[in-house]
Amino acid sequence: MKAPKDCTTMADVRAEIDRVDEDLVRLFGQRAAYIDRAVVVKSGLKLPARITPRVEEVVANVRRHAEANGLPPDLVEKLWRRLIDWSIAREESMLGPDSLREEKE
């Protein structure tokens, strides 16, 4: 692993971007495993896939992390809302549509 300042060629930069991308995909896989576990827990509690207060809590957390890391919070929020929507669709594919469940916290 090279720090960005230590990359002296485009090959160096590209190799590090590819490494980071691989790490991100691995982390998304870990996140998906937790989403799948949430399905099991929510099923037993008869919870819907989308719990709006939790969605907004996740978004607020991500905005805070974005700001702390020098990233534009609006852009990161947009990316995360897509990720959240994908996660909820994944849950609904196993739980069934939210219209069949009541929302609880």
PDB file of N, CA and C in Angstrom:
ATOM      1  N   MET A   1       0.839  -1.177   0.000  1.00  0.00           N
ATOM      2  CA  MET A   1       0.000   0.000   0.000  1.00  0.00           C
ATOM      3  C   MET A   1       0.886   1.243   0.000  1.00  0.00           C
ATOM      4  N   LYS A   2       0.601   2.132  -0.934  1.00  0.00           N
ATOM      5  CA  LYS A   2       1.314   3.409  -1.004  1.00  0.00           C
ATOM      6  C   LYS A   2       0.354   4.522  -0.604  1.00  0.00           C
ATOM      7  N   ALA A   3       0.873   5.484   0.115  1.00  0.00           N
ATOM      8  CA  ALA A   3       0.091   6.682   0.402  1.00  0.00           C
ATOM      9  C   ALA A   3      -0.060   7.461  -0.897  1.00  0.00           C
ATOM     10  N   PRO A   4      -1.144   8.225  -1.056  1.00  0.00           N
ATOM     11  CA  PRO A   4      -1.309   8.997  -2.287  1.00  0.00           C
ATOM     12  C   PRO A   4      -0.080   9.841  -2.628  1.00  0.00           C
ATOM     13  N   LYS A   5       0.528  10.452  -1.623  1.00  0.00           N
ATOM     14  CA  LYS A   5       1.693  11.308  -1.892  1.00  0.00           C
ATOM     15  C   LYS A   5       2.896  10.520  -2.386  1.00  0.00           C
ATOM     16  N   ASP A   6       2.895   9.209  -2.157  1.00  0.00           N
ATOM     17  CA  ASP A   6       4.017   8.367  -2.591  1.00  0.00           C
ATOM     18  C   ASP A   6       3.823   7.775  -3.991  1.00  0.00           C
ATOM     19  N   CYS A   7       2.682   8.014  -4.588  1.00  0.00           N
ATOM     20  CA  CYS A   7       2.440   7.537  -5.950  1.00  0.00           C
ATOM     21  C   CYS A   7       3.079   8.527  -6.920  1.00  0.00           C
ATOM     22  N   THR A   8       4.003   8.019  -7.711  1.00  0.00           N
ATOM     23  CA  THR A   8       4.736   8.909  -8.621  1.00  0.00           C
ATOM     24  C   THR A   8       4.376   8.697 -10.080  1.00  0.00           C
ATOM     25  N   THR A   9       3.632   7.633 -10.374  1.00  0.00           N
ATOM     26  CA  THR A   9       3.216   7.362 -11.753  1.00  0.00           C
ATOM     27  C   THR A   9       1.724   7.065 -11.774  1.00  0.00           C
ATOM     28  N   MET A  10       1.146   7.136 -12.959  1.00  0.00           N
ATOM     29  CA  MET A  10      -0.266   6.774 -13.092  1.00  0.00           C
ATOM     30  C   MET A  10      -0.460   5.290 -12.779  1.00  0.00           C
ATOM     31  N   ALA A  11       0.528   4.465 -13.079  1.00  0.00           N
ATOM     32  CA  ALA A  11       0.432   3.045 -12.736  1.00  0.00           C
ATOM     33  C   ALA A  11       0.320   2.880 -11.223  1.00  0.00           C
ATOM     34  N   ASP A  12       1.078   3.651 -10.465  1.00  0.00           N
ATOM     35  CA  ASP A  12       0.982   3.614  -9.001  1.00  0.00           C
ATOM     36  C   ASP A  12      -0.414   4.027  -8.539  1.00  0.00           C
ATOM     37  N   VAL A  13      -0.892   5.136  -9.074  1.00  0.00           N
ATOM     38  CA  VAL A  13      -2.213   5.653  -8.697  1.00  0.00           C
ATOM     39  C   VAL A  13      -3.289   4.626  -9.030  1.00  0.00           C
ATOM     40  N   ARG A  14      -3.241   4.074 -10.241  1.00  0.00           N
ATOM     41  CA  ARG A  14      -4.252   3.103 -10.659  1.00  0.00           C
ATOM     42  C   ARG A  14      -4.213   1.842  -9.811  1.00  0.00           C
ATOM     43  N   ALA A  15      -3.024   1.386  -9.484  1.00  0.00           N
ATOM     44  CA  ALA A  15      -2.903   0.183  -8.645  1.00  0.00           C
ATOM     45  C   ALA A  15      -3.531   0.423  -7.273  1.00  0.00           C
ATOM     46  N   GLU A  16      -3.319   1.595  -6.717  1.00  0.00           N
ATOM     47  CA  GLU A  16      -3.882   1.891  -5.390  1.00  0.00           C
ATOM     48  C   GLU A  16      -5.393   2.079  -5.457  1.00  0.00           C
ATOM     49  N   ILE A  17      -5.879   2.704  -6.521  1.00  0.00           N
ATOM     50  CA  ILE A  17      -7.328   2.835  -6.693  1.00  0.00           C
ATOM     51  C   ILE A  17      -7.948   1.442  -6.819  1.00  0.00           C
ATOM     52  N   ASP A  18      -7.333   0.570  -7.597  1.00  0.00           N
ATOM     53  CA  ASP A  18      -7.843  -0.805  -7.734  1.00  0.00           C
ATOM     54  C   ASP A  18      -7.844  -1.531  -6.388  1.00  0.00           C
ATOM     55  N   ARG A  19      -6.813  -1.310  -5.578  1.00  0.00           N
ATOM     56  CA  ARG A  19      -6.739  -1.940  -4.257  1.00  0.00           C
ATOM     57  C   ARG A  19      -7.858  -1.421  -3.359  1.00  0.00           C
ATOM     58  N   VAL A  20      -8.072  -0.106  -3.365  1.00  0.00           N
ATOM     59  CA  VAL A  20      -9.135   0.486  -2.557  1.00  0.00           C
ATOM     60  C   VAL A  20     -10.496  -0.021  -3.027  1.00  0.00           C
ATOM     61  N   ASP A  21     -10.699  -0.090  -4.348  1.00  0.00           N
ATOM     62  CA  ASP A  21     -11.961  -0.610  -4.880  1.00  0.00           C
ATOM     63  C   ASP A  21     -12.207  -2.033  -4.408  1.00  0.00           C
ATOM     64  N   GLU A  22     -11.184  -2.857  -4.423  1.00  0.00           N
ATOM     65  CA  GLU A  22     -11.324  -4.236  -3.940  1.00  0.00           C
ATOM     66  C   GLU A  22     -11.732  -4.250  -2.459  1.00  0.00           C
ATOM     67  N   ASP A  23     -11.108  -3.388  -1.676  1.00  0.00           N
ATOM     68  CA  ASP A  23     -11.463  -3.291  -0.254  1.00  0.00           C
ATOM     69  C   ASP A  23     -12.904  -2.830  -0.081  1.00  0.00           C
ATOM     70  N   LEU A  24     -13.326  -1.849  -0.876  1.00  0.00           N
ATOM     71  CA  LEU A  24     -14.697  -1.357  -0.782  1.00  0.00           C
ATOM     72  C   LEU A  24     -15.707  -2.453  -1.117  1.00  0.00           C
ATOM     73  N   VAL A  25     -15.439  -3.223  -2.164  1.00  0.00           N
ATOM     74  CA  VAL A  25     -16.356  -4.304  -2.538  1.00  0.00           C
ATOM     75  C   VAL A  25     -16.423  -5.346  -1.417  1.00  0.00           C
ATOM     76  N   ARG A  26     -15.273  -5.660  -0.823  1.00  0.00           N
ATOM     77  CA  ARG A  26     -15.252  -6.603   0.302  1.00  0.00           C
ATOM     78  C   ARG A  26     -16.102  -6.056   1.459  1.00  0.00           C
ATOM     79  N   LEU A  27     -15.969  -4.771   1.750  1.00  0.00           N
ATOM     80  CA  LEU A  27     -16.753  -4.157   2.826  1.00  0.00           C
ATOM     81  C   LEU A  27     -18.245  -4.133   2.488  1.00  0.00           C
ATOM     82  N   PHE A  28     -18.584  -3.877   1.225  1.00  0.00           N
ATOM     83  CA  PHE A  28     -19.992  -3.941   0.827  1.00  0.00           C
ATOM     84  C   PHE A  28     -20.531  -5.359   1.004  1.00  0.00           C
ATOM     85  N   GLY A  29     -19.703  -6.353   0.738  1.00  0.00           N
ATOM     86  CA  GLY A  29     -20.099  -7.737   0.979  1.00  0.00           C
ATOM     87  C   GLY A  29     -20.373  -7.993   2.450  1.00  0.00           C
ATOM     88  N   GLN A  30     -19.540  -7.438   3.318  1.00  0.00           N
ATOM     89  CA  GLN A  30     -19.771  -7.572   4.755  1.00  0.00           C
ATOM     90  C   GLN A  30     -21.066  -6.881   5.154  1.00  0.00           C
ATOM     91  N   ARG A  31     -21.301  -5.711   4.584  1.00  0.00           N
ATOM     92  CA  ARG A  31     -22.537  -4.987   4.894  1.00  0.00           C
ATOM     93  C   ARG A  31     -23.746  -5.799   4.447  1.00  0.00           C
ATOM     94  N   ALA A  32     -23.657  -6.397   3.281  1.00  0.00           N
ATOM     95  CA  ALA A  32     -24.765  -7.221   2.777  1.00  0.00           C
ATOM     96  C   ALA A  32     -25.030  -8.410   3.693  1.00  0.00           C
ATOM     97  N   ALA A  33     -23.981  -8.978   4.273  1.00  0.00           N
ATOM     98  CA  ALA A  33     -24.169 -10.097   5.204  1.00  0.00           C
ATOM     99  C   ALA A  33     -24.958  -9.635   6.433  1.00  0.00           C
ATOM    100  N   TYR A  34     -24.710  -8.415   6.899  1.00  0.00           N
ATOM    101  CA  TYR A  34     -25.484  -7.885   8.025  1.00  0.00           C
ATOM    102  C   TYR A  34     -26.924  -7.589   7.611  1.00  0.00           C
ATOM    103  N   ILE A  35     -27.104  -7.135   6.393  1.00  0.00           N
ATOM    104  CA  ILE A  35     -28.463  -6.922   5.875  1.00  0.00           C
ATOM    105  C   ILE A  35     -29.209  -8.255   5.868  1.00  0.00           C
ATOM    106  N   ASP A  36     -28.550  -9.311   5.408  1.00  0.00           N
ATOM    107  CA  ASP A  36     -29.189 -10.631   5.389  1.00  0.00           C
ATOM    108  C   ASP A  36     -29.531 -11.098   6.800  1.00  0.00           C
ATOM    109  N   ARG A  37     -28.677 -10.789   7.756  1.00  0.00           N
ATOM    110  CA  ARG A  37     -28.980 -11.157   9.144  1.00  0.00           C
ATOM    111  C   ARG A  37     -30.144 -10.332   9.673  1.00  0.00           C
ATOM    112  N   ALA A  38     -30.217  -9.068   9.275  1.00  0.00           N
ATOM    113  CA  ALA A  38     -31.342  -8.221   9.681  1.00  0.00           C
ATOM    114  C   ALA A  38     -32.659  -8.823   9.216  1.00  0.00           C
ATOM    115  N   VAL A  39     -32.648  -9.461   8.058  1.00  0.00           N
ATOM    116  CA  VAL A  39     -33.863 -10.115   7.548  1.00  0.00           C
ATOM    117  C   VAL A  39     -34.352 -11.171   8.541  1.00  0.00           C
ATOM    118  N   VAL A  40     -33.434 -11.970   9.052  1.00  0.00           N
ATOM    119  CA  VAL A  40     -33.791 -13.023  10.007  1.00  0.00           C
ATOM    120  C   VAL A  40     -34.372 -12.401  11.271  1.00  0.00           C
ATOM    121  N   VAL A  41     -33.713 -11.372  11.795  1.00  0.00           N
ATOM    122  CA  VAL A  41     -34.169 -10.724  13.024  1.00  0.00           C
ATOM    123  C   VAL A  41     -35.506 -10.024  12.797  1.00  0.00           C
ATOM    124  N   LYS A  42     -35.603  -9.252  11.703  1.00  0.00           N
ATOM    125  CA  LYS A  42     -36.844  -8.533  11.416  1.00  0.00           C
ATOM    126  C   LYS A  42     -38.007  -9.483  11.190  1.00  0.00           C
ATOM    127  N   SER A  43     -37.752 -10.593  10.556  1.00  0.00           N
ATOM    128  CA  SER A  43     -38.810 -11.563  10.299  1.00  0.00           C
ATOM    129  C   SER A  43     -39.434 -12.030  11.611  1.00  0.00           C
ATOM    130  N   GLY A  44     -38.594 -12.353  12.577  1.00  0.00           N
ATOM    131  CA  GLY A  44     -39.091 -12.800  13.875  1.00  0.00           C
ATOM    132  C   GLY A  44     -39.854 -11.728  14.620  1.00  0.00           C
ATOM    133  N   LEU A  45     -39.507 -10.479  14.380  1.00  0.00           N
ATOM    134  CA  LEU A  45     -40.165  -9.359  15.059  1.00  0.00           C
ATOM    135  C   LEU A  45     -41.295  -8.759  14.231  1.00  0.00           C
ATOM    136  N   LYS A  46     -41.479  -9.292  13.025  1.00  0.00           N
ATOM    137  CA  LYS A  46     -42.484  -8.785  12.082  1.00  0.00           C
ATOM    138  C   LYS A  46     -42.260  -7.304  11.760  1.00  0.00           C
ATOM    139  N   LEU A  47     -40.992  -6.950  11.581  1.00  0.00           N
ATOM    140  CA  LEU A  47     -40.624  -5.578  11.213  1.00  0.00           C
ATOM    141  C   LEU A  47     -40.520  -5.454   9.701  1.00  0.00           C
ATOM    142  N   PRO A  48     -40.789  -4.257   9.179  1.00  0.00           N
ATOM    143  CA  PRO A  48     -40.632  -4.024   7.738  1.00  0.00           C
ATOM    144  C   PRO A  48     -39.168  -3.849   7.370  1.00  0.00           C
ATOM    145  N   ALA A  49     -38.890  -3.950   6.098  1.00  0.00           N
ATOM    146  CA  ALA A  49     -37.534  -3.714   5.610  1.00  0.00           C
ATOM    147  C   ALA A  49     -37.139  -2.254   5.836  1.00  0.00           C
ATOM    148  N   ARG A  50     -38.028  -1.335   5.497  1.00  0.00           N
ATOM    149  CA  ARG A  50     -37.724   0.104   5.640  1.00  0.00           C
ATOM    150  C   ARG A  50     -38.255   0.594   6.982  1.00  0.00           C
ATOM    151  N   ILE A  51     -37.358   1.063   7.812  1.00  0.00           N
ATOM    152  CA  ILE A  51     -37.718   1.719   9.067  1.00  0.00           C
ATOM    153  C   ILE A  51     -37.161   3.134   8.948  1.00  0.00           C
ATOM    154  N   THR A  52     -38.044   4.059   8.594  1.00  0.00           N
ATOM    155  CA  THR A  52     -37.638   5.406   8.216  1.00  0.00           C
ATOM    156  C   THR A  52     -36.743   6.106   9.251  1.00  0.00           C
ATOM    157  N   PRO A  53     -37.046   6.048  10.538  1.00  0.00           N
ATOM    158  CA  PRO A  53     -36.136   6.706  11.489  1.00  0.00           C
ATOM    159  C   PRO A  53     -34.710   6.134  11.426  1.00  0.00           C
ATOM    160  N   ARG A  54     -34.580   4.832  11.195  1.00  0.00           N
ATOM    161  CA  ARG A  54     -33.246   4.226  11.085  1.00  0.00           C
ATOM    162  C   ARG A  54     -32.554   4.679   9.803  1.00  0.00           C
ATOM    163  N   VAL A  55     -33.302   4.776   8.710  1.00  0.00           N
ATOM    164  CA  VAL A  55     -32.717   5.264   7.450  1.00  0.00           C
ATOM    165  C   VAL A  55     -32.124   6.647   7.678  1.00  0.00           C
ATOM    166  N   GLU A  56     -32.875   7.520   8.325  1.00  0.00           N
ATOM    167  CA  GLU A  56     -32.404   8.890   8.536  1.00  0.00           C
ATOM    168  C   GLU A  56     -31.227   8.932   9.513  1.00  0.00           C
ATOM    169  N   GLU A  57     -31.208   8.025  10.480  1.00  0.00           N
ATOM    170  CA  GLU A  57     -30.069   7.932  11.392  1.00  0.00           C
ATOM    171  C   GLU A  57     -28.804   7.526  10.633  1.00  0.00           C
ATOM    172  N   VAL A  58     -28.927   6.544   9.738  1.00  0.00           N
ATOM    173  CA  VAL A  58     -27.783   6.105   8.934  1.00  0.00           C
ATOM    174  C   VAL A  58     -27.284   7.258   8.062  1.00  0.00           C
ATOM    175  N   VAL A  59     -28.203   7.973   7.437  1.00  0.00           N
ATOM    176  CA  VAL A  59     -27.820   9.096   6.579  1.00  0.00           C
ATOM    177  C   VAL A  59     -27.104  10.179   7.392  1.00  0.00           C
ATOM    178  N   ALA A  60     -27.616  10.500   8.566  1.00  0.00           N
ATOM    179  CA  ALA A  60     -26.964  11.508   9.412  1.00  0.00           C
ATOM    180  C   ALA A  60     -25.562  11.056   9.806  1.00  0.00           C
ATOM    181  N   ASN A  61     -25.423   9.781  10.144  1.00  0.00           N
ATOM    182  CA  ASN A  61     -24.096   9.244  10.494  1.00  0.00           C
ATOM    183  C   ASN A  61     -23.129   9.376   9.325  1.00  0.00           C
ATOM    184  N   VAL A  62     -23.597   9.022   8.136  1.00  0.00           N
ATOM    185  CA  VAL A  62     -22.733   9.057   6.950  1.00  0.00           C
ATOM    186  C   VAL A  62     -22.353  10.489   6.595  1.00  0.00           C
ATOM    187  N   ARG A  63     -23.281  11.404   6.731  1.00  0.00           N
ATOM    188  CA  ARG A  63     -22.962  12.813   6.468  1.00  0.00           C
ATOM    189  C   ARG A  63     -21.871  13.290   7.433  1.00  0.00           C
ATOM    190  N   ARG A  64     -21.996  12.902   8.688  1.00  0.00           N
ATOM    191  CA  ARG A  64     -20.988  13.289   9.685  1.00  0.00           C
ATOM    192  C   ARG A  64     -19.623  12.692   9.333  1.00  0.00           C
ATOM    193  N   HIS A  65     -19.609  11.414   8.940  1.00  0.00           N
ATOM    194  CA  HIS A  65     -18.352  10.767   8.542  1.00  0.00           C
ATOM    195  C   HIS A  65     -17.759  11.431   7.299  1.00  0.00           C
ATOM    196  N   ALA A  66     -18.622  11.808   6.366  1.00  0.00           N
ATOM    197  CA  ALA A  66     -18.145  12.483   5.151  1.00  0.00           C
ATOM    198  C   ALA A  66     -17.453  13.794   5.514  1.00  0.00           C
ATOM    199  N   GLU A  67     -18.105  14.584   6.341  1.00  0.00           N
ATOM    200  CA  GLU A  67     -17.525  15.869   6.746  1.00  0.00           C
ATOM    201  C   GLU A  67     -16.193  15.663   7.450  1.00  0.00           C
ATOM    202  N   ALA A  68     -16.124  14.661   8.328  1.00  0.00           N
ATOM    203  CA  ALA A  68     -14.890  14.394   9.083  1.00  0.00           C
ATOM    204  C   ALA A  68     -13.749  13.958   8.170  1.00  0.00           C
ATOM    205  N   ASN A  69     -14.102  13.419   6.999  1.00  0.00           N
ATOM    206  CA  ASN A  69     -13.080  12.931   6.067  1.00  0.00           C
ATOM    207  C   ASN A  69     -12.896  13.833   4.854  1.00  0.00           C
ATOM    208  N   GLY A  70     -13.430  15.049   4.928  1.00  0.00           N
ATOM    209  CA  GLY A  70     -13.217  16.027   3.865  1.00  0.00           C
ATOM    210  C   GLY A  70     -13.950  15.728   2.570  1.00  0.00           C
ATOM    211  N   LEU A  71     -15.067  15.003   2.677  1.00  0.00           N
ATOM    212  CA  LEU A  71     -15.863  14.681   1.489  1.00  0.00           C
ATOM    213  C   LEU A  71     -17.148  15.498   1.501  1.00  0.00           C
ATOM    214  N   PRO A  72     -17.720  15.769   0.327  1.00  0.00           N
ATOM    215  CA  PRO A  72     -18.962  16.533   0.284  1.00  0.00           C
ATOM    216  C   PRO A  72     -20.127  15.707   0.833  1.00  0.00           C
ATOM    217  N   PRO A  73     -20.731  16.137   1.943  1.00  0.00           N
ATOM    218  CA  PRO A  73     -21.799  15.358   2.567  1.00  0.00           C
ATOM    219  C   PRO A  73     -22.996  15.114   1.653  1.00  0.00           C
ATOM    220  N   ASP A  74     -23.341  16.087   0.804  1.00  0.00           N
ATOM    221  CA  ASP A  74     -24.488  15.900  -0.093  1.00  0.00           C
ATOM    222  C   ASP A  74     -24.242  14.751  -1.069  1.00  0.00           C
ATOM    223  N   LEU A  75     -23.047  14.692  -1.622  1.00  0.00           N
ATOM    224  CA  LEU A  75     -22.711  13.617  -2.561  1.00  0.00           C
ATOM    225  C   LEU A  75     -22.710  12.262  -1.856  1.00  0.00           C
ATOM    226  N   VAL A  76     -22.094  12.198  -0.685  1.00  0.00           N
ATOM    227  CA  VAL A  76     -22.036  10.942   0.046  1.00  0.00           C
ATOM    228  C   VAL A  76     -23.440  10.505   0.456  1.00  0.00           C
ATOM    229  N   GLU A  77     -24.276  11.459   0.840  1.00  0.00           N
ATOM    230  CA  GLU A  77     -25.666  11.111   1.177  1.00  0.00           C
ATOM    231  C   GLU A  77     -26.380  10.492  -0.021  1.00  0.00           C
ATOM    232  N   LYS A  78     -26.203  11.082  -1.199  1.00  0.00           N
ATOM    233  CA  LYS A  78     -26.846  10.534  -2.396  1.00  0.00           C
ATOM    234  C   LYS A  78     -26.383   9.100  -2.660  1.00  0.00           C
ATOM    235  N   LEU A  79     -25.088   8.872  -2.542  1.00  0.00           N
ATOM    236  CA  LEU A  79     -24.564   7.510  -2.727  1.00  0.00           C
ATOM    237  C   LEU A  79     -25.156   6.556  -1.699  1.00  0.00           C
ATOM    238  N   TRP A  80     -25.207   6.989  -0.453  1.00  0.00           N
ATOM    239  CA  TRP A  80     -25.688   6.110   0.614  1.00  0.00           C
ATOM    240  C   TRP A  80     -27.178   5.846   0.499  1.00  0.00           C
ATOM    241  N   ARG A  81     -27.940   6.834   0.066  1.00  0.00           N
ATOM    242  CA  ARG A  81     -29.382   6.581  -0.117  1.00  0.00           C
ATOM    243  C   ARG A  81     -29.601   5.514  -1.197  1.00  0.00           C
ATOM    244  N   ARG A  82     -28.759   5.500  -2.221  1.00  0.00           N
ATOM    245  CA  ARG A  82     -28.836   4.421  -3.225  1.00  0.00           C
ATOM    246  C   ARG A  82     -28.503   3.079  -2.586  1.00  0.00           C
ATOM    247  N   LEU A  83     -27.454   3.059  -1.748  1.00  0.00           N
ATOM    248  CA  LEU A  83     -27.059   1.837  -1.059  1.00  0.00           C
ATOM    249  C   LEU A  83     -28.173   1.371  -0.119  1.00  0.00           C
ATOM    250  N   ILE A  84     -28.778   2.296   0.591  1.00  0.00           N
ATOM    251  CA  ILE A  84     -29.881   1.954   1.492  1.00  0.00           C
ATOM    252  C   ILE A  84     -31.050   1.396   0.695  1.00  0.00           C
ATOM    253  N   ASP A  85     -31.393   2.036  -0.416  1.00  0.00           N
ATOM    254  CA  ASP A  85     -32.499   1.531  -1.247  1.00  0.00           C
ATOM    255  C   ASP A  85     -32.201   0.122  -1.745  1.00  0.00           C
ATOM    256  N   TRP A  86     -30.971  -0.132  -2.153  1.00  0.00           N
ATOM    257  CA  TRP A  86     -30.585  -1.478  -2.591  1.00  0.00           C
ATOM    258  C   TRP A  86     -30.718  -2.466  -1.432  1.00  0.00           C
ATOM    259  N   SER A  87     -30.286  -2.048  -0.248  1.00  0.00           N
ATOM    260  CA  SER A  87     -30.358  -2.916   0.926  1.00  0.00           C
ATOM    261  C   SER A  87     -31.803  -3.242   1.280  1.00  0.00           C
ATOM    262  N   ILE A  88     -32.666  -2.243   1.223  1.00  0.00           N
ATOM    263  CA  ILE A  88     -34.083  -2.460   1.530  1.00  0.00           C
ATOM    264  C   ILE A  88     -34.711  -3.376   0.483  1.00  0.00           C
ATOM    265  N   ALA A  89     -34.388  -3.182  -0.779  1.00  0.00           N
ATOM    266  CA  ALA A  89     -34.898  -4.077  -1.831  1.00  0.00           C
ATOM    267  C   ALA A  89     -34.427  -5.509  -1.582  1.00  0.00           C
ATOM    268  N   ARG A  90     -33.184  -5.671  -1.148  1.00  0.00           N
ATOM    269  CA  ARG A  90     -32.649  -7.004  -0.821  1.00  0.00           C
ATOM    270  C   ARG A  90     -33.462  -7.619   0.311  1.00  0.00           C
ATOM    271  N   GLU A  91     -33.723  -6.826   1.357  1.00  0.00           N
ATOM    272  CA  GLU A  91     -34.527  -7.321   2.477  1.00  0.00           C
ATOM    273  C   GLU A  91     -35.938  -7.684   2.018  1.00  0.00           C
ATOM    274  N   GLU A  92     -36.564  -6.797   1.246  1.00  0.00           N
ATOM    275  CA  GLU A  92     -37.933  -7.060   0.794  1.00  0.00           C
ATOM    276  C   GLU A  92     -38.016  -8.307  -0.071  1.00  0.00           C
ATOM    277  N   SER A  93     -36.944  -8.622  -0.794  1.00  0.00           N
ATOM    278  CA  SER A  93     -36.972  -9.825  -1.629  1.00  0.00           C
ATOM    279  C   SER A  93     -37.077 -11.090  -0.770  1.00  0.00           C
ATOM    280  N   MET A  94     -36.675 -10.977   0.496  1.00  0.00           N
ATOM    281  CA  MET A  94     -36.746 -12.128   1.400  1.00  0.00           C
ATOM    282  C   MET A  94     -37.907 -12.003   2.389  1.00  0.00           C
ATOM    283  N   LEU A  95     -38.227 -10.775   2.822  1.00  0.00           N
ATOM    284  CA  LEU A  95     -39.295 -10.557   3.799  1.00  0.00           C
ATOM    285  C   LEU A  95     -40.668 -10.430   3.156  1.00  0.00           C
ATOM    286  N   GLY A  96     -40.696 -10.005   1.923  1.00  0.00           N
ATOM    287  CA  GLY A  96     -41.948  -9.632   1.280  1.00  0.00           C
ATOM    288  C   GLY A  96     -42.090  -8.123   1.345  1.00  0.00           C
ATOM    289  N   PRO A  97     -43.045  -7.583   0.600  1.00  0.00           N
ATOM    290  CA  PRO A  97     -43.209  -6.128   0.546  1.00  0.00           C
ATOM    291  C   PRO A  97     -43.561  -5.538   1.909  1.00  0.00           C
ATOM    292  N   ASP A  98     -43.081  -4.336   2.151  1.00  0.00           N
ATOM    293  CA  ASP A  98     -43.371  -3.650   3.410  1.00  0.00           C
ATOM    294  C   ASP A  98     -44.857  -3.393   3.598  1.00  0.00           C
ATOM    295  N   SER A  99     -45.602  -3.322   2.522  1.00  0.00           N
ATOM    296  CA  SER A  99     -47.041  -3.051   2.655  1.00  0.00           C
ATOM    297  C   SER A  99     -47.754  -4.130   3.454  1.00  0.00           C
ATOM    298  N   LEU A 100     -47.110  -5.281   3.610  1.00  0.00           N
ATOM    299  CA  LEU A 100     -47.697  -6.382   4.374  1.00  0.00           C
ATOM    300  C   LEU A 100     -47.279  -6.372   5.844  1.00  0.00           C
ATOM    301  N   ARG A 101     -46.444  -5.405   6.220  1.00  0.00           N
ATOM    302  CA  ARG A 101     -45.934  -5.345   7.608  1.00  0.00           C
ATOM    303  C   ARG A 101     -46.190  -3.967   8.180  1.00  0.00           C
ATOM    304  N   GLU A 102     -46.235  -3.880   9.493  1.00  0.00           N
ATOM    305  CA  GLU A 102     -46.373  -2.562  10.121  1.00  0.00           C
ATOM    306  C   GLU A 102     -44.991  -2.068  10.535  1.00  0.00           C
ATOM    307  N   GLU A 103     -44.814  -0.761  10.527  1.00  0.00           N
ATOM    308  CA  GLU A 103     -43.501  -0.193  10.879  1.00  0.00           C
ATOM    309  C   GLU A 103     -43.406  -0.008  12.383  1.00  0.00           C
ATOM    310  N   LYS A 104     -42.304  -0.497  12.937  1.00  0.00           N
ATOM    311  CA  LYS A 104     -41.977  -0.317  14.357  1.00  0.00           C
ATOM    312  C   LYS A 104     -40.530   0.116  14.429  1.00  0.00           C
ATOM    313  N   GLU A 105     -40.107   0.580  15.587  1.00  0.00           N
ATOM    314  CA  GLU A 105     -38.681   0.890  15.781  1.00  0.00           C
ATOM    315  C   GLU A 105     -38.031  -0.206  16.549  1.00  0.00           C
TER     316      GLU A 105
END
